[in-house]
Amino acid sequence: MKILLVRTWPTLLDVGKQTYNIQEVGLAKALTRRGHQVDLLFWTNEEEKDVLVPVAEGTNIHVFYRHGPVAVKCVFFPHMEKLAEQYDILQTGEYSQLYSWHLAVKYPDKTVIYHGPYYASFNRNYNRLCWGIDHLCLGRYKRMKTPFLTKSRLAEKFLTDKGLASTQVIPVGVGVDAELLSSREEEPFELAERMRDQAEGLKLLYIGRIEPRRDPGFLLRVVEELHKRGTVAKLYVVGDGDDTQTAAFAEQIKAMGLTEDVIWQRKARQQQLGAAYHQADFFLLPTEYEIFGMVLLEAMFFETVALTTPNGGADMLIQDGENGVVLTKDHPEEWAVRMLDLQKQPERKRRMGAAARETVTQHFTWDALAGTFEQVYEQKKAGQKA
């Protein structure tokens, strides 16, 4: 099959510099390895260009960078007809994207939508946007039976609660490029060296933006709870944010007397993070909302036991107590107790980390997920209803 993956968000992506966290690239590589021709359409406000991304055995992914107007965080690609006609499948993103709806209406026999968001009170603006999309687009999506692949079961429920048929919505998840993570040589990383030099106590790791959604202050309260229980614990943070949020986090660290217990590095290269995961006793992600969360995939791949809140990624990846821990943020002491209990049972903790890695390598690599995408494409191409 000839497949075009269309990103309808106005984000600037440079496949010449890095491809690891670009989901379309990971999926395209996996589908190419299965014998399909897969190309990408990305927006740019710079010079239009075509770029080749090499895949194994001399095959390439063709990336088209094209201009297009932007409205309500959605790109519209004018004059796309000649390009679209070359492909059997057009995969675009998100129920809320008006251009996705446009493609589904114009090319009903080839359009598939890959959707991630789900309902959360945190997501007020998105919920309002979807109220408008419901009125404009939902009826047509139902009648056309447009297939939706979702990044989580929460996203599946989000769509079926709107009235889309369960046979129309297929939860698949998000993948990681395990080959790239395994083969990539780790670069020297000062934060990981400091973790290695910590003589005693727990080493807790957080990687991500400093922002209210991720509630970094909760991490400090967990450290405080561990200290109350007589446990040495240090929090290692890799992440940046806007000036207001980072300043507030720095002030909170100081106010809680944790200056010596929080080691914070604003930026790091992807190649450096593996060393940090390897050194950490636990990875913490206390998030209000997460479509999936690549950091969860990474932590589990490196066998670091992850503690997180209910979210899209946790819903797909983690069985509490088996390959990770899922807790609410109501009681930071519960997070402290769960970590201390696991630390006292090293063999159980080791098994949990091994199970986490197996979950990712067996079920959540792009190569593992590509078959489900392929099946939906084949049904669509054959004129069947997914």
Protein backbone atom coordinates (compact mmCIF):
# COMPACT_ATOMS: atom_id res chain seq x y z
CA MET A 1 0.00 0.00 0.00
CA LYS A 2 0.96 3.64 -0.46
CA ILE A 3 0.29 5.51 2.78
CA LEU A 4 0.54 9.23 3.55
CA LEU A 5 0.69 10.28 7.21
CA VAL A 6 -0.51 13.87 7.59
CA ARG A 7 0.33 15.97 10.67
CA THR A 8 -2.25 18.74 10.90
CA TRP A 9 -0.70 20.64 13.82
CA PRO A 10 1.38 23.76 13.13
CA THR A 11 4.54 22.37 14.72
CA LEU A 12 8.01 22.75 13.22
CA LEU A 13 9.69 19.35 13.01
CA ASP A 14 13.20 18.82 11.70
CA VAL A 15 13.68 15.21 10.64
CA GLY A 16 17.23 16.11 9.65
CA LYS A 17 18.18 16.61 13.30
CA GLN A 18 16.15 14.04 15.22
CA THR A 19 13.37 11.56 14.57
CA TYR A 20 13.02 9.63 17.84
CA ASN A 21 10.06 11.49 19.35
CA ILE A 22 8.24 12.11 16.06
CA GLN A 23 5.52 9.48 16.17
CA GLU A 24 4.80 9.64 12.44
CA VAL A 25 8.43 8.77 11.69
CA GLY A 26 8.43 5.78 14.04
CA LEU A 27 5.19 4.42 12.57
CA ALA A 28 6.33 5.12 9.00
CA LYS A 29 9.55 3.18 9.53
CA ALA A 30 7.69 0.20 10.96
CA LEU A 31 5.19 0.16 8.09
CA THR A 32 8.01 0.53 5.55
CA ARG A 33 9.69 -2.54 7.04
CA ARG A 34 6.42 -4.38 6.39
CA GLY A 35 6.70 -3.59 2.70
CA HIS A 36 4.57 -0.44 2.34
CA GLN A 37 5.51 2.90 0.83
CA VAL A 38 4.95 5.47 3.55
CA ASP A 39 5.45 9.22 3.23
CA LEU A 40 4.82 12.17 5.56
CA LEU A 41 3.24 15.58 5.11
CA PHE A 42 4.38 18.21 7.65
CA TRP A 43 3.66 21.91 7.91
CA THR A 44 6.34 24.56 7.71
CA ASN A 45 6.39 28.34 7.71
CA GLU A 46 9.87 28.27 6.22
CA GLU A 47 10.98 27.16 2.77
CA GLU A 48 9.03 24.25 1.31
CA LYS A 49 11.24 21.22 0.78
CA ASP A 50 11.31 17.44 0.44
CA VAL A 51 13.50 15.35 2.74
CA LEU A 52 14.39 11.66 2.67
CA VAL A 53 14.59 9.67 5.92
CA PRO A 54 16.49 6.40 5.38
CA VAL A 55 15.04 3.09 6.51
CA ALA A 56 16.77 -0.30 6.48
CA GLU A 57 17.60 -2.09 3.22
CA GLY A 58 17.88 1.01 1.10
CA THR A 59 14.30 2.21 1.49
CA ASN A 60 13.35 5.78 2.38
CA ILE A 61 10.49 7.79 3.80
CA HIS A 62 9.70 10.89 1.79
CA VAL A 63 8.85 13.90 4.00
CA PHE A 64 6.99 16.77 2.32
CA TYR A 65 7.26 20.13 4.11
CA ARG A 66 4.47 22.36 2.85
CA HIS A 67 2.91 25.72 3.67
CA GLY A 68 -0.69 26.10 4.77
CA PRO A 69 -2.92 28.50 6.68
CA VAL A 70 -3.49 27.86 10.38
CA ALA A 71 -6.74 28.27 12.31
CA VAL A 72 -7.73 26.99 15.80
CA LYS A 73 -4.37 25.18 16.03
CA CYS A 74 -5.10 23.28 12.82
CA VAL A 75 -3.22 23.40 9.51
CA PHE A 76 -5.02 23.40 6.18
CA PHE A 77 -2.97 22.24 3.18
CA PRO A 78 -4.28 23.85 0.00
CA HIS A 79 -3.79 22.22 -3.40
CA MET A 80 -3.17 18.79 -1.88
CA GLU A 81 -5.34 16.89 -4.37
CA LYS A 82 -2.54 15.76 -6.69
CA LEU A 83 -0.55 14.44 -3.74
CA ALA A 84 -3.52 12.72 -2.09
CA GLU A 85 -4.50 10.94 -5.28
CA GLN A 86 -1.20 9.05 -5.26
CA TYR A 87 -1.98 7.21 -2.01
CA ASP A 88 -4.25 4.36 -0.97
CA ILE A 89 -4.50 5.61 2.64
CA LEU A 90 -4.42 9.07 4.20
CA GLN A 91 -3.87 8.95 7.95
CA THR A 92 -4.42 12.20 9.78
CA GLY A 93 -4.78 13.14 13.44
CA GLU A 94 -7.40 13.97 16.03
CA TYR A 95 -11.16 14.12 16.12
CA SER A 96 -10.99 17.88 16.79
CA GLN A 97 -8.89 18.76 13.74
CA LEU A 98 -11.04 20.38 11.07
CA TYR A 99 -8.63 19.37 8.32
CA SER A 100 -9.03 15.74 9.37
CA TRP A 101 -12.76 16.14 8.91
CA HIS A 102 -12.17 17.79 5.52
CA LEU A 103 -10.05 14.83 4.37
CA ALA A 104 -12.59 12.32 5.68
CA VAL A 105 -15.34 14.04 3.68
CA LYS A 106 -13.29 14.57 0.50
CA TYR A 107 -11.60 11.14 0.58
CA PRO A 108 -14.00 8.91 2.53
CA ASP A 109 -12.56 5.73 1.04
CA LYS A 110 -9.00 6.41 2.17
CA THR A 111 -9.02 8.49 5.37
CA VAL A 112 -8.14 7.05 8.78
CA ILE A 113 -7.81 9.22 11.91
CA TYR A 114 -5.32 8.58 14.74
CA HIS A 115 -6.71 10.19 17.90
CA GLY A 116 -5.18 10.82 21.34
CA PRO A 117 -7.04 13.27 23.62
CA TYR A 118 -9.71 12.19 26.10
CA TYR A 119 -12.05 13.91 28.50
CA ALA A 120 -10.45 15.49 31.57
CA SER A 121 -11.56 18.49 33.59
CA PHE A 122 -8.02 19.85 33.16
CA ASN A 123 -8.63 20.07 29.40
CA ARG A 124 -11.29 22.78 29.51
CA ASN A 125 -10.36 24.53 26.27
CA TYR A 126 -10.20 21.27 24.37
CA ASN A 127 -13.57 20.23 25.77
CA ARG A 128 -15.09 23.49 24.53
CA LEU A 129 -13.53 23.02 21.09
CA CYS A 130 -14.94 19.50 20.84
CA TRP A 131 -18.41 20.78 21.71
CA GLY A 132 -18.26 22.79 18.48
CA ILE A 133 -16.77 19.88 16.51
CA ASP A 134 -19.57 17.63 17.77
CA HIS A 135 -22.15 19.93 16.25
CA LEU A 136 -20.29 20.37 12.97
CA CYS A 137 -18.65 17.00 12.29
CA LEU A 138 -19.94 14.18 14.49
CA GLY A 139 -22.98 13.30 12.40
CA ARG A 140 -20.91 12.98 9.24
CA TYR A 141 -18.29 10.86 11.01
CA LYS A 142 -21.06 8.49 12.15
CA ARG A 143 -22.62 8.20 8.71
CA MET A 144 -19.29 7.70 6.93
CA LYS A 145 -18.10 5.26 9.62
CA THR A 146 -14.66 6.89 9.49
CA PRO A 147 -12.16 4.61 11.28
CA PHE A 148 -10.47 6.04 14.37
CA LEU A 149 -7.35 4.47 15.85
CA THR A 150 -6.83 5.74 19.41
CA LYS A 151 -3.75 6.17 21.56
CA SER A 152 -5.46 4.85 24.69
CA ARG A 153 -8.62 3.22 25.97
CA LEU A 154 -9.52 6.56 27.55
CA ALA A 155 -9.42 8.10 24.09
CA GLU A 156 -11.54 5.21 22.80
CA LYS A 157 -14.14 5.91 25.49
CA PHE A 158 -14.03 9.63 24.67
CA LEU A 159 -15.13 8.84 21.11
CA THR A 160 -17.63 6.07 21.79
CA ASP A 161 -19.30 8.22 24.46
CA LYS A 162 -20.03 10.66 21.62
CA GLY A 163 -21.90 7.92 19.80
CA LEU A 164 -19.27 6.59 17.40
CA ALA A 165 -19.70 2.85 16.96
CA SER A 166 -17.37 0.60 18.94
CA THR A 167 -16.43 -1.14 15.68
CA GLN A 168 -15.37 2.26 14.33
CA VAL A 169 -12.91 3.01 17.18
CA ILE A 170 -9.85 0.82 17.70
CA PRO A 171 -7.47 1.38 20.67
CA VAL A 172 -3.89 0.74 19.57
CA GLY A 173 -1.56 2.83 21.78
CA VAL A 174 1.71 4.58 20.97
CA GLY A 175 5.02 2.97 20.13
CA VAL A 176 8.68 3.47 20.87
CA ASP A 177 11.62 2.87 18.57
CA ALA A 178 13.22 0.14 20.68
CA GLU A 179 15.98 -0.51 18.15
CA LEU A 180 17.07 3.10 18.33
CA LEU A 181 17.04 3.13 22.14
CA SER A 182 18.98 -0.12 22.33
CA SER A 183 21.62 0.78 19.78
CA ARG A 184 22.15 4.40 20.74
CA GLU A 185 25.42 4.97 22.59
CA GLU A 186 24.83 6.86 25.81
CA GLU A 187 26.51 10.22 26.09
CA PRO A 188 28.17 11.52 29.29
CA PHE A 189 25.60 13.13 31.55
CA GLU A 190 26.47 15.10 34.66
CA LEU A 191 23.13 14.44 36.36
CA ALA A 192 23.53 10.67 35.89
CA GLU A 193 27.03 10.89 37.32
CA ARG A 194 25.65 12.61 40.42
CA MET A 195 23.05 9.87 40.73
CA ARG A 196 25.81 7.26 40.52
CA ASP A 197 27.75 9.05 43.24
CA GLN A 198 24.83 9.12 45.69
CA ALA A 199 26.01 6.83 48.47
CA GLU A 200 22.70 5.94 50.12
CA GLY A 201 18.98 6.43 49.97
CA LEU A 202 16.48 6.59 47.14
CA LYS A 203 17.16 8.18 43.77
CA LEU A 204 13.94 9.52 42.28
CA LEU A 205 13.78 10.71 38.68
CA TYR A 206 11.42 13.09 36.90
CA ILE A 207 11.81 13.99 33.22
CA GLY A 208 9.44 16.48 31.63
CA ARG A 209 8.28 20.06 31.54
CA ILE A 210 7.95 22.14 34.68
CA GLU A 211 4.28 23.03 34.40
CA PRO A 212 1.07 22.82 36.46
CA ARG A 213 -0.19 19.79 34.51
CA ARG A 214 2.79 17.75 35.72
CA ASP A 215 2.59 19.23 39.26
CA PRO A 216 6.31 19.28 40.14
CA GLY A 217 5.42 20.53 43.62
CA PHE A 218 3.87 17.14 44.33
CA LEU A 219 7.26 15.55 43.75
CA LEU A 220 8.67 17.70 46.53
CA ARG A 221 5.92 16.62 48.88
CA VAL A 222 6.75 12.99 48.17
CA VAL A 223 10.42 13.65 49.00
CA GLU A 224 9.29 15.37 52.19
CA GLU A 225 7.21 12.32 53.14
CA LEU A 226 10.20 10.03 52.62
CA HIS A 227 12.30 12.25 54.85
CA LYS A 228 9.63 12.11 57.56
CA ARG A 229 10.01 8.33 57.49
CA GLY A 230 13.76 8.59 58.05
CA THR A 231 14.73 7.79 54.46
CA VAL A 232 17.40 9.64 52.55
CA ALA A 233 15.92 10.58 49.18
CA LYS A 234 17.04 12.86 46.39
CA LEU A 235 14.98 14.04 43.47
CA TYR A 236 16.69 14.32 40.08
CA VAL A 237 14.83 16.56 37.65
CA VAL A 238 15.41 16.96 33.91
CA GLY A 239 13.12 19.57 32.45
CA ASP A 240 12.43 23.19 31.69
CA GLY A 241 9.39 25.45 31.45
CA ASP A 242 8.42 29.06 31.14
CA ASP A 243 10.11 31.56 33.42
CA THR A 244 7.13 31.89 35.76
CA GLN A 245 6.78 28.16 36.38
CA THR A 246 10.48 27.45 36.78
CA ALA A 247 10.89 30.37 39.17
CA ALA A 248 7.94 29.14 41.25
CA PHE A 249 9.40 25.63 41.37
CA ALA A 250 12.82 26.93 42.43
CA GLU A 251 11.21 29.01 45.17
CA GLN A 252 9.21 26.05 46.42
CA ILE A 253 12.36 23.91 46.61
CA LYS A 254 14.00 26.60 48.72
CA ALA A 255 10.95 27.19 50.93
CA MET A 256 10.66 23.47 51.73
CA GLY A 257 14.35 23.25 52.65
CA LEU A 258 15.11 20.78 49.84
CA THR A 259 17.89 22.68 48.09
CA GLU A 260 20.41 19.92 48.77
CA ASP A 261 17.94 17.19 47.87
CA VAL A 262 16.83 18.33 44.41
CA ILE A 263 19.31 18.12 41.55
CA TRP A 264 17.84 19.91 38.56
CA GLN A 265 19.17 20.08 35.02
CA ARG A 266 17.09 22.15 32.61
CA LYS A 267 18.03 20.44 29.33
CA ALA A 268 19.50 17.15 28.15
CA ARG A 269 19.95 15.30 24.89
CA GLN A 270 17.92 12.15 24.29
CA GLN A 271 21.14 10.14 24.16
CA GLN A 272 21.90 11.14 27.76
CA LEU A 273 18.64 10.04 29.35
CA GLY A 274 19.26 6.30 29.28
CA ALA A 275 22.02 6.70 31.88
CA ALA A 276 19.61 8.56 34.17
CA TYR A 277 16.92 5.91 33.86
CA HIS A 278 19.48 3.21 34.62
CA GLN A 279 20.61 4.96 37.81
CA ALA A 280 17.14 5.81 39.17
CA ASP A 281 15.37 3.70 41.76
CA PHE A 282 11.99 5.03 40.65
CA PHE A 283 10.56 7.24 37.92
CA LEU A 284 7.74 9.58 39.00
CA LEU A 285 5.12 11.17 36.73
CA PRO A 286 2.36 12.87 38.77
CA THR A 287 0.43 14.26 35.84
CA GLU A 288 -3.09 15.66 35.61
CA TYR A 289 -3.42 14.66 31.97
CA GLU A 290 -1.30 12.71 29.53
CA ILE A 291 -2.36 11.62 26.05
CA PHE A 292 0.25 8.89 26.40
CA GLY A 293 3.64 10.04 27.70
CA MET A 294 6.82 8.93 25.96
CA VAL A 295 8.68 9.17 29.27
CA LEU A 296 6.57 6.31 30.64
CA LEU A 297 7.53 4.17 27.65
CA GLU A 298 11.19 5.09 28.12
CA ALA A 299 11.28 4.45 31.87
CA MET A 300 9.63 1.06 31.42
CA PHE A 301 11.94 0.17 28.53
CA PHE A 302 14.95 0.82 30.80
CA GLU A 303 13.35 -1.30 33.59
CA THR A 304 12.86 1.67 35.90
CA VAL A 305 9.80 1.17 38.08
CA ALA A 306 7.38 3.99 37.25
CA LEU A 307 4.86 5.56 39.61
CA THR A 308 2.21 7.65 37.90
CA THR A 309 -1.37 8.86 38.08
CA PRO A 310 -4.32 7.57 36.01
CA ASN A 311 -3.75 8.88 32.46
CA GLY A 312 -3.83 7.74 28.86
CA GLY A 313 -0.43 6.06 28.89
CA ALA A 314 -0.84 4.42 32.28
CA ASP A 315 -4.25 3.09 31.20
CA MET A 316 -2.65 1.26 28.26
CA LEU A 317 0.70 0.32 29.77
CA ILE A 318 0.54 -0.34 33.49
CA GLN A 319 -1.04 -3.03 35.59
CA ASP A 320 -0.70 -1.67 39.11
CA GLY A 321 1.68 -3.77 41.15
CA GLU A 322 2.73 -5.91 38.20
CA ASN A 323 4.79 -3.68 35.91
CA GLY A 324 4.45 -0.30 37.61
CA VAL A 325 2.38 1.66 40.10
CA VAL A 326 -0.70 3.81 39.50
CA LEU A 327 -1.82 6.16 42.30
CA THR A 328 -3.88 9.31 42.66
CA LYS A 329 -2.29 12.50 43.96
CA ASP A 330 -4.55 12.71 47.00
CA HIS A 331 -1.95 11.42 49.44
CA PRO A 332 1.81 11.85 48.80
CA GLU A 333 2.44 9.57 51.75
CA GLU A 334 0.99 6.68 49.71
CA TRP A 335 3.63 7.23 47.06
CA ALA A 336 6.32 7.21 49.72
CA VAL A 337 5.02 4.02 51.31
CA ARG A 338 4.75 2.15 48.00
CA MET A 339 8.34 3.01 47.13
CA LEU A 340 9.65 2.05 50.54
CA ASP A 341 7.78 -1.28 50.41
CA LEU A 342 9.26 -2.08 47.00
CA GLN A 343 12.74 -1.03 48.08
CA LYS A 344 12.51 -3.57 50.91
CA GLN A 345 11.66 -6.29 48.37
CA PRO A 346 14.47 -6.04 45.80
CA GLU A 347 13.52 -9.21 43.94
CA ARG A 348 9.93 -8.09 43.54
CA LYS A 349 11.12 -4.70 42.38
CA ARG A 350 13.48 -6.33 39.87
CA ARG A 351 10.64 -8.48 38.50
CA MET A 352 8.43 -5.42 38.17
CA GLY A 353 11.11 -3.62 36.16
CA ALA A 354 11.63 -6.66 33.94
CA ALA A 355 7.86 -6.92 33.37
CA ALA A 356 7.78 -3.23 32.45
CA ARG A 357 10.44 -3.73 29.79
CA GLU A 358 8.68 -6.81 28.44
CA THR A 359 5.41 -4.86 28.17
CA VAL A 360 7.10 -2.26 25.99
CA THR A 361 9.26 -4.53 23.86
CA GLN A 362 6.49 -7.06 23.22
CA HIS A 363 3.50 -4.77 22.77
CA PHE A 364 4.45 -1.09 22.44
CA THR A 365 7.15 -0.77 19.85
CA TRP A 366 6.10 0.70 16.51
CA ASP A 367 6.89 -2.65 14.91
CA ALA A 368 4.54 -4.39 17.36
CA LEU A 369 1.74 -1.89 16.70
CA ALA A 370 2.14 -1.64 12.93
CA GLY A 371 0.07 -4.76 12.28
CA THR A 372 -3.04 -3.18 13.80
CA PHE A 373 -2.61 -0.05 11.69
CA GLU A 374 -2.08 -2.24 8.65
CA GLN A 375 -5.24 -4.24 9.33
CA VAL A 376 -7.36 -1.09 9.56
CA TYR A 377 -5.80 0.26 6.36
CA GLU A 378 -6.50 -2.97 4.52
CA GLN A 379 -10.12 -2.96 5.62
CA LYS A 380 -10.46 0.63 4.48
CA LYS A 381 -8.80 -0.06 1.15
CA ALA A 382 -11.07 -3.04 0.58
CA GLY A 383 -14.12 -0.86 1.20
CA GLN A 384 -14.95 -2.60 4.46
CA LYS A 385 -15.89 -0.77 7.66
CA ALA A 386 -13.35 -0.87 10.50
